[in-house]
Amino acid sequence: DDDKEKKNRPHKFIDVAAHHLPTLIGIDLNDTNNNRLPMVLRDILLGTTTTTTTQSNNSTPQCYTIFLFEGVMIYLNKGVPTELLRICSQAVSSLPSSASASLVFADRLENIDSADTSTNCRMDAARVEFNKVGWKLDEWCPKPGMARHMGIAQHI
């Protein structure tokens, strides 16, 4: 019955893996001294990775970029999370002026005093840290646990 059904509706049975799954690009995020990370990130944003359709030099995909950090910074070496946020911001800044991006996170940010129980103090500290690396904090929602900082920031 399955084969008969496939023959009657061939358009419903496309190769999903070949057309709809994301491309995996392995990179060591702790190695921020390596110039590979900014180059790979820029290629992804421009849509010029070897596994995607190459754009002509004069065209840039017009899309909105959303960076998602969920439990990533927890596992990075000291200093790397802040540098990674800066690298992401610089990658967006290197695109044409029409490029824009958001950063959505549920993670542990550096330089935010977890012992301080005042949400406003932590939010102010987060706002300062994001501004230093090219992001404007829009929403802040701290929570208990390892990935204690949640929110949204916009590229500036």
C-alpha atoms as a PDB file:
ATOM      1  CA  ASP A   1       0.000   0.000   0.000  1.00  0.00           C
ATOM      2  CA  ASP A   2       2.841   2.423   0.783  1.00  0.00           C
ATOM      3  CA  ASP A   3       4.407   1.993  -2.675  1.00  0.00           C
ATOM      4  CA  LYS A   4       1.064   2.547  -4.371  1.00  0.00           C
ATOM      5  CA  GLU A   5       0.527   5.672  -2.282  1.00  0.00           C
ATOM      6  CA  LYS A   6       3.983   7.019  -3.213  1.00  0.00           C
ATOM      7  CA  LYS A   7       3.264   6.547  -6.922  1.00  0.00           C
ATOM      8  CA  ASN A   8      -0.042   8.385  -6.656  1.00  0.00           C
ATOM      9  CA  ARG A   9       1.481  11.330  -4.745  1.00  0.00           C
ATOM     10  CA  PRO A  10       5.169  11.588  -5.730  1.00  0.00           C
ATOM     11  CA  HIS A  11       5.350  15.294  -4.871  1.00  0.00           C
ATOM     12  CA  LYS A  12       4.748  14.475  -1.202  1.00  0.00           C
ATOM     13  CA  PHE A  13       7.791  12.205  -0.911  1.00  0.00           C
ATOM     14  CA  ILE A  14      10.764  14.444  -1.627  1.00  0.00           C
ATOM     15  CA  ASP A  15      14.213  13.906  -0.185  1.00  0.00           C
ATOM     16  CA  VAL A  16      13.857  16.041   2.960  1.00  0.00           C
ATOM     17  CA  ALA A  17      17.498  15.616   3.986  1.00  0.00           C
ATOM     18  CA  ALA A  18      18.760  17.012   0.694  1.00  0.00           C
ATOM     19  CA  HIS A  19      16.521  20.082   0.706  1.00  0.00           C
ATOM     20  CA  HIS A  20      15.498  21.116   4.202  1.00  0.00           C
ATOM     21  CA  LEU A  21      18.054  20.209   6.851  1.00  0.00           C
ATOM     22  CA  PRO A  22      20.644  22.711   8.085  1.00  0.00           C
ATOM     23  CA  THR A  23      24.273  22.400   7.120  1.00  0.00           C
ATOM     24  CA  LEU A  24      26.637  21.350   9.900  1.00  0.00           C
ATOM     25  CA  ILE A  25      29.853  23.362  10.045  1.00  0.00           C
ATOM     26  CA  GLY A  26      32.178  22.230  12.806  1.00  0.00           C
ATOM     27  CA  ILE A  27      34.250  24.894  14.535  1.00  0.00           C
ATOM     28  CA  ASP A  28      35.974  25.235  17.899  1.00  0.00           C
ATOM     29  CA  LEU A  29      34.265  28.222  19.537  1.00  0.00           C
ATOM     30  CA  ASN A  30      36.945  28.355  22.239  1.00  0.00           C
ATOM     31  CA  ASP A  31      39.534  29.223  19.584  1.00  0.00           C
ATOM     32  CA  THR A  32      38.618  32.885  19.069  1.00  0.00           C
ATOM     33  CA  ASN A  33      42.235  33.759  18.140  1.00  0.00           C
ATOM     34  CA  ASN A  34      41.805  31.759  14.961  1.00  0.00           C
ATOM     35  CA  ASN A  35      40.558  33.908  12.061  1.00  0.00           C
ATOM     36  CA  ARG A  36      38.465  30.994  10.803  1.00  0.00           C
ATOM     37  CA  LEU A  37      35.452  31.750  13.029  1.00  0.00           C
ATOM     38  CA  PRO A  38      34.775  35.287  11.702  1.00  0.00           C
ATOM     39  CA  MET A  39      35.312  34.117   8.111  1.00  0.00           C
ATOM     40  CA  VAL A  40      32.982  31.120   8.471  1.00  0.00           C
ATOM     41  CA  LEU A  41      30.338  33.260  10.166  1.00  0.00           C
ATOM     42  CA  ARG A  42      30.530  35.886   7.422  1.00  0.00           C
ATOM     43  CA  ASP A  43      30.228  33.184   4.738  1.00  0.00           C
ATOM     44  CA  ILE A  44      27.148  31.789   6.459  1.00  0.00           C
ATOM     45  CA  LEU A  45      25.554  35.231   6.692  1.00  0.00           C
ATOM     46  CA  LEU A  46      26.317  35.908   3.030  1.00  0.00           C
ATOM     47  CA  GLY A  47      25.079  32.467   1.981  1.00  0.00           C
ATOM     48  CA  THR A  48      28.434  31.593   0.419  1.00  0.00           C
ATOM     49  CA  THR A  49      29.374  28.433   2.306  1.00  0.00           C
ATOM     50  CA  THR A  50      30.467  25.579   0.077  1.00  0.00           C
ATOM     51  CA  THR A  51      27.234  23.699   0.697  1.00  0.00           C
ATOM     52  CA  THR A  52      24.863  26.560  -0.121  1.00  0.00           C
ATOM     53  CA  THR A  53      24.068  28.297  -3.350  1.00  0.00           C
ATOM     54  CA  THR A  54      26.790  30.839  -3.994  1.00  0.00           C
ATOM     55  CA  GLN A  55      25.591  34.403  -4.393  1.00  0.00           C
ATOM     56  CA  SER A  56      27.121  36.701  -6.970  1.00  0.00           C
ATOM     57  CA  ASN A  57      29.597  39.216  -5.572  1.00  0.00           C
ATOM     58  CA  ASN A  58      27.087  42.030  -6.060  1.00  0.00           C
ATOM     59  CA  SER A  59      24.158  40.446  -4.268  1.00  0.00           C
ATOM     60  CA  THR A  60      23.564  39.720  -0.627  1.00  0.00           C
ATOM     61  CA  PRO A  61      20.648  37.682   0.644  1.00  0.00           C
ATOM     62  CA  GLN A  62      18.099  40.021   2.174  1.00  0.00           C
ATOM     63  CA  CYS A  63      17.168  38.230   5.330  1.00  0.00           C
ATOM     64  CA  TYR A  64      17.011  38.909   9.024  1.00  0.00           C
ATOM     65  CA  THR A  65      19.567  36.999  11.085  1.00  0.00           C
ATOM     66  CA  ILE A  66      18.740  35.515  14.473  1.00  0.00           C
ATOM     67  CA  PHE A  67      21.627  34.214  16.568  1.00  0.00           C
ATOM     68  CA  LEU A  68      20.518  31.671  19.155  1.00  0.00           C
ATOM     69  CA  PHE A  69      22.663  30.881  22.189  1.00  0.00           C
ATOM     70  CA  GLU A  70      21.128  28.216  24.382  1.00  0.00           C
ATOM     71  CA  GLY A  71      23.524  26.720  26.904  1.00  0.00           C
ATOM     72  CA  VAL A  72      26.553  27.449  24.715  1.00  0.00           C
ATOM     73  CA  MET A  73      28.464  29.993  26.803  1.00  0.00           C
ATOM     74  CA  ILE A  74      28.316  27.781  29.899  1.00  0.00           C
ATOM     75  CA  TYR A  75      30.890  25.462  28.327  1.00  0.00           C
ATOM     76  CA  LEU A  76      33.256  28.062  26.862  1.00  0.00           C
ATOM     77  CA  ASN A  77      36.532  29.200  28.397  1.00  0.00           C
ATOM     78  CA  LYS A  78      36.743  32.438  30.381  1.00  0.00           C
ATOM     79  CA  GLY A  79      36.636  35.464  28.094  1.00  0.00           C
ATOM     80  CA  VAL A  80      35.324  33.521  25.102  1.00  0.00           C
ATOM     81  CA  PRO A  81      31.580  34.239  25.518  1.00  0.00           C
ATOM     82  CA  THR A  82      32.153  38.001  25.417  1.00  0.00           C
ATOM     83  CA  GLU A  83      34.489  37.648  22.427  1.00  0.00           C
ATOM     84  CA  LEU A  84      31.965  35.428  20.636  1.00  0.00           C
ATOM     85  CA  LEU A  85      29.244  38.062  21.039  1.00  0.00           C
ATOM     86  CA  ARG A  86      31.654  40.659  19.622  1.00  0.00           C
ATOM     87  CA  ILE A  87      32.553  38.431  16.652  1.00  0.00           C
ATOM     88  CA  CYS A  88      28.851  37.915  15.844  1.00  0.00           C
ATOM     89  CA  SER A  89      28.236  41.655  15.999  1.00  0.00           C
ATOM     90  CA  GLN A  90      31.235  42.402  13.783  1.00  0.00           C
ATOM     91  CA  ALA A  91      30.075  39.819  11.243  1.00  0.00           C
ATOM     92  CA  VAL A  92      26.718  41.587  10.941  1.00  0.00           C
ATOM     93  CA  SER A  93      28.454  44.979  10.767  1.00  0.00           C
ATOM     94  CA  SER A  94      30.599  43.750   7.874  1.00  0.00           C
ATOM     95  CA  LEU A  95      27.483  43.163   5.758  1.00  0.00           C
ATOM     96  CA  PRO A  96      25.711  45.862   3.724  1.00  0.00           C
ATOM     97  CA  SER A  97      23.992  48.533   5.807  1.00  0.00           C
ATOM     98  CA  SER A  98      20.593  46.908   5.286  1.00  0.00           C
ATOM     99  CA  ALA A  99      21.656  43.850   7.340  1.00  0.00           C
ATOM    100  CA  SER A 100      20.088  43.464  10.761  1.00  0.00           C
ATOM    101  CA  ALA A 101      20.144  40.827  13.456  1.00  0.00           C
ATOM    102  CA  SER A 102      18.847  39.770  16.845  1.00  0.00           C
ATOM    103  CA  LEU A 103      20.445  37.666  19.524  1.00  0.00           C
ATOM    104  CA  VAL A 104      18.190  35.342  21.503  1.00  0.00           C
ATOM    105  CA  PHE A 105      19.803  33.712  24.511  1.00  0.00           C
ATOM    106  CA  ALA A 106      19.196  31.354  27.402  1.00  0.00           C
ATOM    107  CA  ASP A 107      22.685  31.037  28.757  1.00  0.00           C
ATOM    108  CA  ARG A 108      25.117  32.293  31.367  1.00  0.00           C
ATOM    109  CA  LEU A 109      26.654  35.630  30.443  1.00  0.00           C
ATOM    110  CA  GLU A 110      30.076  36.707  31.637  1.00  0.00           C
ATOM    111  CA  ASN A 111      30.591  39.649  33.976  1.00  0.00           C
ATOM    112  CA  ILE A 112      27.097  39.449  35.470  1.00  0.00           C
ATOM    113  CA  ASP A 113      27.226  38.979  39.233  1.00  0.00           C
ATOM    114  CA  SER A 114      25.064  35.940  39.953  1.00  0.00           C
ATOM    115  CA  ALA A 115      25.228  36.603  43.690  1.00  0.00           C
ATOM    116  CA  ASP A 116      23.403  39.904  43.184  1.00  0.00           C
ATOM    117  CA  THR A 117      19.739  39.069  43.665  1.00  0.00           C
ATOM    118  CA  SER A 118      18.482  42.355  42.242  1.00  0.00           C
ATOM    119  CA  THR A 119      17.071  41.758  38.776  1.00  0.00           C
ATOM    120  CA  ASN A 120      17.517  45.436  37.874  1.00  0.00           C
ATOM    121  CA  CYS A 121      21.215  45.415  38.831  1.00  0.00           C
ATOM    122  CA  ARG A 122      21.838  42.291  36.748  1.00  0.00           C
ATOM    123  CA  MET A 123      19.871  43.748  33.850  1.00  0.00           C
ATOM    124  CA  ASP A 124      21.906  46.968  34.013  1.00  0.00           C
ATOM    125  CA  ALA A 125      25.128  44.945  34.066  1.00  0.00           C
ATOM    126  CA  ALA A 126      23.929  42.866  31.104  1.00  0.00           C
ATOM    127  CA  ARG A 127      22.978  46.021  29.201  1.00  0.00           C
ATOM    128  CA  VAL A 128      26.511  47.424  29.714  1.00  0.00           C
ATOM    129  CA  GLU A 129      28.156  44.147  28.661  1.00  0.00           C
ATOM    130  CA  PHE A 130      26.037  43.844  25.508  1.00  0.00           C
ATOM    131  CA  ASN A 131      26.680  47.478  24.522  1.00  0.00           C
ATOM    132  CA  LYS A 132      30.440  46.890  24.777  1.00  0.00           C
ATOM    133  CA  VAL A 133      30.250  44.220  22.068  1.00  0.00           C
ATOM    134  CA  GLY A 134      27.715  45.763  19.674  1.00  0.00           C
ATOM    135  CA  TRP A 135      24.322  44.655  20.991  1.00  0.00           C
ATOM    136  CA  LYS A 136      21.418  46.494  22.655  1.00  0.00           C
ATOM    137  CA  LEU A 137      19.596  44.493  25.313  1.00  0.00           C
ATOM    138  CA  ASP A 138      15.833  44.615  24.654  1.00  0.00           C
ATOM    139  CA  GLU A 139      14.419  41.947  26.961  1.00  0.00           C
ATOM    140  CA  TRP A 140      15.791  40.417  30.139  1.00  0.00           C
ATOM    141  CA  CYS A 141      14.392  37.462  32.061  1.00  0.00           C
ATOM    142  CA  PRO A 142      16.742  35.865  34.597  1.00  0.00           C
ATOM    143  CA  LYS A 143      15.934  32.430  35.982  1.00  0.00           C
ATOM    144  CA  PRO A 144      17.466  29.837  38.295  1.00  0.00           C
ATOM    145  CA  GLY A 145      19.879  27.255  36.919  1.00  0.00           C
ATOM    146  CA  MET A 146      23.064  27.165  34.876  1.00  0.00           C
ATOM    147  CA  ALA A 147      21.590  28.990  31.881  1.00  0.00           C
ATOM    148  CA  ARG A 148      20.304  31.703  34.190  1.00  0.00           C
ATOM    149  CA  HIS A 149      20.254  34.651  31.800  1.00  0.00           C
ATOM    150  CA  MET A 150      17.552  34.833  29.149  1.00  0.00           C
ATOM    151  CA  GLY A 151      16.660  37.628  26.823  1.00  0.00           C
ATOM    152  CA  ILE A 152      16.811  39.287  23.437  1.00  0.00           C
ATOM    153  CA  ALA A 153      19.305  41.814  22.114  1.00  0.00           C
ATOM    154  CA  GLN A 154      19.373  43.765  18.844  1.00  0.00           C
ATOM    155  CA  HIS A 155      22.460  44.485  16.781  1.00  0.00           C
ATOM    156  CA  ILE A 156      23.530  48.147  16.973  1.00  0.00           C
END
